[in-house]
Structures are given as C-alpha cells and as structure tokens.
C-alpha cells in the first residue's frame, strides 16, 4: 500500500508514533514511547502495511525489533488535517 488510502484514519497511537519521526534525523521512529514502554507491534505493523513507515535496518542486538523510519507518504499523511484525524483503531 502507498499510504494514499483515504478511507483509513490514523489511531491516536499511530499518529503519536509517526509524529515522533518528524523531529528525528532521517525520520527514525522510536522503539519505545515516552514512558519507556515498547511501541506496540500492531501499531508498527499497520503503519508499515499502510506505507507510512518502512523498515530502516536490522537491529543486531534485538533482531525481533523492527527499526523503522517515516516515509514520504507518512509525512504527507501527518500534514493532511483530514487524514490526520484520530478516530480509528
């Protein structure tokens, strides 16, 4: 998917995770939230499926953790006030 699905709206967890990539070098997305909890694998998986995030590199220390970065489609989505609304899971 290329992130242009106009029928899907970001959940608040997805938006919060993706927004953190806006201020990081290369759009790097965090592995943990502000409280130190691991980002939900479901959030990561859905964002990658929708094309808003993409795998960046393999984590040699924790191979089961997916290190991702924000895609151009993710940046467009976050800038779109309609798409950026938060009412889907």
N, C-alpha and C. Protein backbone atom coordinates (compact mmCIF):
# COMPACT_ATOMS: atom_id res chain seq x y z
N UNK A 1 0.84 -1.19 0.00
CA UNK A 1 0.00 0.00 0.00
C UNK A 1 0.88 1.25 0.00
N UNK A 2 0.42 2.32 -0.57
CA UNK A 2 1.27 3.51 -0.71
C UNK A 2 0.91 4.63 0.25
N UNK A 3 0.02 4.38 1.20
CA UNK A 3 -0.33 5.39 2.18
C UNK A 3 -1.41 6.35 1.71
N UNK A 4 -1.96 6.13 0.51
CA UNK A 4 -2.95 7.07 -0.02
C UNK A 4 -4.38 6.61 0.19
N UNK A 5 -4.60 5.60 1.01
CA UNK A 5 -5.95 5.10 1.28
C UNK A 5 -6.71 6.16 2.07
N UNK A 6 -7.61 6.86 1.41
CA UNK A 6 -8.32 7.99 2.03
C UNK A 6 -9.40 7.52 3.01
N UNK A 7 -9.72 6.20 3.03
CA UNK A 7 -10.78 5.72 3.91
C UNK A 7 -10.27 5.37 5.30
N UNK A 8 -8.97 5.32 5.50
CA UNK A 8 -8.41 4.93 6.79
C UNK A 8 -7.91 6.16 7.52
N UNK A 9 -8.25 6.24 8.78
CA UNK A 9 -7.77 7.34 9.61
C UNK A 9 -6.81 6.78 10.66
N UNK A 10 -5.83 7.56 10.99
CA UNK A 10 -4.85 7.17 11.99
C UNK A 10 -5.48 7.02 13.37
N UNK A 11 -5.01 6.03 14.12
CA UNK A 11 -5.38 5.96 15.53
C UNK A 11 -4.48 6.95 16.27
N UNK A 12 -4.84 7.28 17.48
CA UNK A 12 -4.00 8.21 18.24
C UNK A 12 -2.62 7.60 18.49
N UNK A 13 -2.54 6.29 18.72
CA UNK A 13 -1.24 5.64 18.95
C UNK A 13 -0.38 5.69 17.69
N UNK A 14 -0.99 5.47 16.53
CA UNK A 14 -0.25 5.54 15.26
C UNK A 14 0.26 6.95 15.02
N UNK A 15 -0.62 7.93 15.21
CA UNK A 15 -0.23 9.33 14.98
C UNK A 15 0.92 9.72 15.91
N UNK A 16 0.79 9.39 17.18
CA UNK A 16 1.82 9.77 18.15
C UNK A 16 3.17 9.16 17.77
N UNK A 17 3.17 7.89 17.36
CA UNK A 17 4.41 7.23 16.97
C UNK A 17 5.00 7.87 15.72
N UNK A 18 4.18 8.06 14.69
CA UNK A 18 4.67 8.64 13.44
C UNK A 18 5.16 10.07 13.63
N UNK A 19 4.47 10.86 14.43
CA UNK A 19 4.89 12.25 14.65
C UNK A 19 6.28 12.35 15.25
N UNK A 20 6.66 11.38 16.04
CA UNK A 20 7.99 11.43 16.65
C UNK A 20 9.09 11.34 15.59
N UNK A 21 8.79 10.76 14.43
CA UNK A 21 9.76 10.69 13.35
C UNK A 21 10.00 12.02 12.67
N UNK A 22 9.08 12.97 12.84
CA UNK A 22 9.22 14.28 12.19
C UNK A 22 10.43 15.06 12.69
N UNK A 23 10.84 14.81 13.91
CA UNK A 23 11.93 15.59 14.51
C UNK A 23 13.24 14.81 14.61
N UNK A 24 13.26 13.59 14.12
CA UNK A 24 14.45 12.76 14.23
C UNK A 24 15.24 12.72 12.92
N UNK A 25 16.55 12.62 12.99
CA UNK A 25 17.35 12.52 11.77
C UNK A 25 16.89 11.33 10.93
N UNK A 26 16.67 11.57 9.65
CA UNK A 26 16.25 10.52 8.74
C UNK A 26 14.83 10.03 8.97
N UNK A 27 14.10 10.66 9.88
CA UNK A 27 12.74 10.24 10.17
C UNK A 27 12.67 9.00 11.05
N UNK A 28 13.75 8.70 11.78
CA UNK A 28 13.79 7.50 12.62
C UNK A 28 12.63 7.49 13.60
N UNK A 29 11.97 6.34 13.67
CA UNK A 29 10.84 6.16 14.58
C UNK A 29 11.32 5.42 15.83
N UNK A 30 10.79 5.78 17.00
CA UNK A 30 11.28 5.20 18.25
C UNK A 30 10.82 3.76 18.46
N UNK A 31 11.60 3.05 19.23
CA UNK A 31 11.23 1.70 19.64
C UNK A 31 10.39 1.73 20.91
N UNK A 32 10.50 2.84 21.66
CA UNK A 32 9.81 2.96 22.95
C UNK A 32 9.04 4.28 23.01
N UNK A 33 7.95 4.29 23.79
CA UNK A 33 7.18 5.52 23.96
C UNK A 33 7.84 6.41 25.02
N UNK A 34 7.21 7.53 25.30
CA UNK A 34 7.76 8.49 26.26
C UNK A 34 7.87 7.93 27.68
N UNK A 35 7.11 6.87 27.96
CA UNK A 35 7.14 6.25 29.30
C UNK A 35 8.10 5.07 29.37
N UNK A 36 8.79 4.79 28.25
CA UNK A 36 9.75 3.69 28.24
C UNK A 36 9.17 2.34 27.87
N UNK A 37 7.89 2.32 27.48
CA UNK A 37 7.26 1.06 27.05
C UNK A 37 7.51 0.85 25.56
N UNK A 38 7.70 -0.42 25.19
CA UNK A 38 7.92 -0.77 23.79
C UNK A 38 6.68 -0.38 22.97
N UNK A 39 6.90 0.22 21.81
CA UNK A 39 5.79 0.56 20.91
C UNK A 39 5.09 -0.73 20.51
N UNK A 40 3.79 -0.71 20.49
CA UNK A 40 3.00 -1.90 20.15
C UNK A 40 3.38 -2.41 18.76
N UNK A 41 3.70 -3.71 18.65
CA UNK A 41 3.99 -4.27 17.34
C UNK A 41 2.82 -4.10 16.35
N UNK A 42 1.58 -4.06 16.86
CA UNK A 42 0.43 -3.85 15.98
C UNK A 42 0.45 -2.46 15.35
N UNK A 43 0.87 -1.46 16.12
CA UNK A 43 0.99 -0.09 15.60
C UNK A 43 2.05 -0.06 14.51
N UNK A 44 3.21 -0.63 14.79
CA UNK A 44 4.30 -0.65 13.82
C UNK A 44 3.86 -1.38 12.55
N UNK A 45 3.28 -2.57 12.72
CA UNK A 45 2.88 -3.39 11.57
C UNK A 45 1.87 -2.65 10.68
N UNK A 46 0.86 -2.04 11.29
CA UNK A 46 -0.17 -1.34 10.50
C UNK A 46 0.43 -0.15 9.75
N UNK A 47 1.30 0.59 10.41
CA UNK A 47 1.92 1.75 9.75
C UNK A 47 2.81 1.32 8.58
N UNK A 48 3.51 0.20 8.74
CA UNK A 48 4.33 -0.31 7.64
C UNK A 48 3.43 -0.81 6.51
N UNK A 49 2.37 -1.55 6.85
CA UNK A 49 1.43 -2.05 5.84
C UNK A 49 0.81 -0.91 5.03
N UNK A 50 0.51 0.20 5.70
CA UNK A 50 -0.13 1.33 5.03
C UNK A 50 0.87 2.20 4.26
N UNK A 51 2.16 1.93 4.44
CA UNK A 51 3.18 2.70 3.73
C UNK A 51 3.58 3.99 4.40
N UNK A 52 3.19 4.18 5.67
CA UNK A 52 3.52 5.40 6.41
C UNK A 52 4.88 5.31 7.08
N UNK A 53 5.34 4.08 7.28
CA UNK A 53 6.65 3.81 7.87
C UNK A 53 7.26 2.67 7.08
N UNK A 54 8.58 2.56 7.14
CA UNK A 54 9.24 1.45 6.46
C UNK A 54 10.42 0.98 7.29
N UNK A 55 10.73 -0.31 7.18
CA UNK A 55 11.90 -0.81 7.90
C UNK A 55 13.14 -0.05 7.46
N UNK A 56 14.00 0.26 8.42
CA UNK A 56 15.19 1.03 8.13
C UNK A 56 16.42 0.14 8.12
N UNK A 57 16.62 -0.58 9.21
CA UNK A 57 17.75 -1.51 9.27
C UNK A 57 17.47 -2.56 10.32
N UNK A 58 18.21 -3.66 10.24
CA UNK A 58 18.07 -4.73 11.22
C UNK A 58 18.78 -4.34 12.50
N UNK A 59 18.18 -4.65 13.63
CA UNK A 59 18.77 -4.38 14.93
C UNK A 59 19.55 -5.64 15.35
N UNK A 60 20.89 -5.60 15.30
CA UNK A 60 21.66 -6.80 15.60
C UNK A 60 21.52 -7.27 17.05
N UNK A 61 21.23 -6.35 17.96
CA UNK A 61 21.08 -6.71 19.36
C UNK A 61 19.73 -7.37 19.63
N UNK A 62 18.70 -6.88 18.98
CA UNK A 62 17.34 -7.39 19.15
C UNK A 62 16.74 -7.63 17.77
N UNK A 63 17.05 -8.76 17.13
CA UNK A 63 16.59 -8.99 15.76
C UNK A 63 15.06 -9.02 15.59
N UNK A 64 14.32 -9.23 16.69
CA UNK A 64 12.86 -9.25 16.59
C UNK A 64 12.26 -7.84 16.66
N UNK A 65 13.08 -6.82 16.92
CA UNK A 65 12.60 -5.44 16.96
C UNK A 65 12.80 -4.82 15.58
N UNK A 66 11.74 -4.22 15.08
CA UNK A 66 11.77 -3.61 13.76
C UNK A 66 12.09 -2.12 13.89
N UNK A 67 13.26 -1.72 13.41
CA UNK A 67 13.66 -0.31 13.43
C UNK A 67 13.13 0.32 12.14
N UNK A 68 12.29 1.34 12.28
CA UNK A 68 11.62 1.94 11.13
C UNK A 68 11.91 3.43 11.01
N UNK A 69 11.56 3.94 9.84
CA UNK A 69 11.63 5.38 9.61
C UNK A 69 10.35 5.82 8.93
N UNK A 70 10.05 7.08 9.06
CA UNK A 70 8.88 7.70 8.44
C UNK A 70 9.10 7.77 6.94
N UNK A 71 8.05 7.46 6.18
CA UNK A 71 8.14 7.55 4.72
C UNK A 71 7.60 8.90 4.25
N UNK A 72 7.86 9.24 2.99
CA UNK A 72 7.24 10.46 2.44
C UNK A 72 5.72 10.40 2.55
N UNK A 73 5.11 9.24 2.33
CA UNK A 73 3.65 9.12 2.45
C UNK A 73 3.21 9.38 3.88
N UNK A 74 4.01 8.95 4.85
CA UNK A 74 3.70 9.23 6.26
C UNK A 74 3.76 10.72 6.56
N UNK A 75 4.73 11.40 5.99
CA UNK A 75 4.85 12.85 6.19
C UNK A 75 3.64 13.58 5.60
N UNK A 76 3.22 13.15 4.41
CA UNK A 76 2.05 13.76 3.76
C UNK A 76 0.81 13.52 4.62
N UNK A 77 0.66 12.31 5.10
CA UNK A 77 -0.49 11.97 5.92
C UNK A 77 -0.55 12.85 7.18
N UNK A 78 0.57 13.02 7.83
CA UNK A 78 0.59 13.83 9.05
C UNK A 78 0.29 15.29 8.78
N UNK A 79 0.60 15.77 7.58
CA UNK A 79 0.33 17.16 7.22
C UNK A 79 -1.11 17.38 6.78
N UNK A 80 -1.86 16.32 6.50
CA UNK A 80 -3.23 16.41 5.99
C UNK A 80 -4.20 16.45 7.17
N UNK A 81 -4.93 17.55 7.35
CA UNK A 81 -5.82 17.66 8.50
C UNK A 81 -6.96 16.65 8.48
N UNK A 82 -7.38 16.21 7.33
CA UNK A 82 -8.45 15.21 7.26
C UNK A 82 -7.89 13.83 7.61
N UNK A 83 -6.80 13.45 6.94
CA UNK A 83 -6.19 12.15 7.20
C UNK A 83 -5.61 12.08 8.60
N UNK A 84 -5.18 13.18 9.10
CA UNK A 84 -4.54 13.18 10.40
C UNK A 84 -5.47 13.08 11.58
N UNK A 85 -6.79 13.06 11.34
CA UNK A 85 -7.70 12.96 12.47
C UNK A 85 -7.56 11.58 13.11
N UNK A 86 -7.90 11.49 14.37
CA UNK A 86 -7.66 10.25 15.10
C UNK A 86 -8.95 9.63 15.59
N UNK A 87 -9.53 8.76 14.75
CA UNK A 87 -10.75 8.09 15.21
C UNK A 87 -10.83 6.62 14.81
N UNK A 88 -9.74 6.04 14.35
CA UNK A 88 -9.73 4.61 14.02
C UNK A 88 -8.74 3.89 14.93
N UNK A 89 -8.96 2.62 15.10
CA UNK A 89 -8.05 1.82 15.95
C UNK A 89 -6.84 1.38 15.18
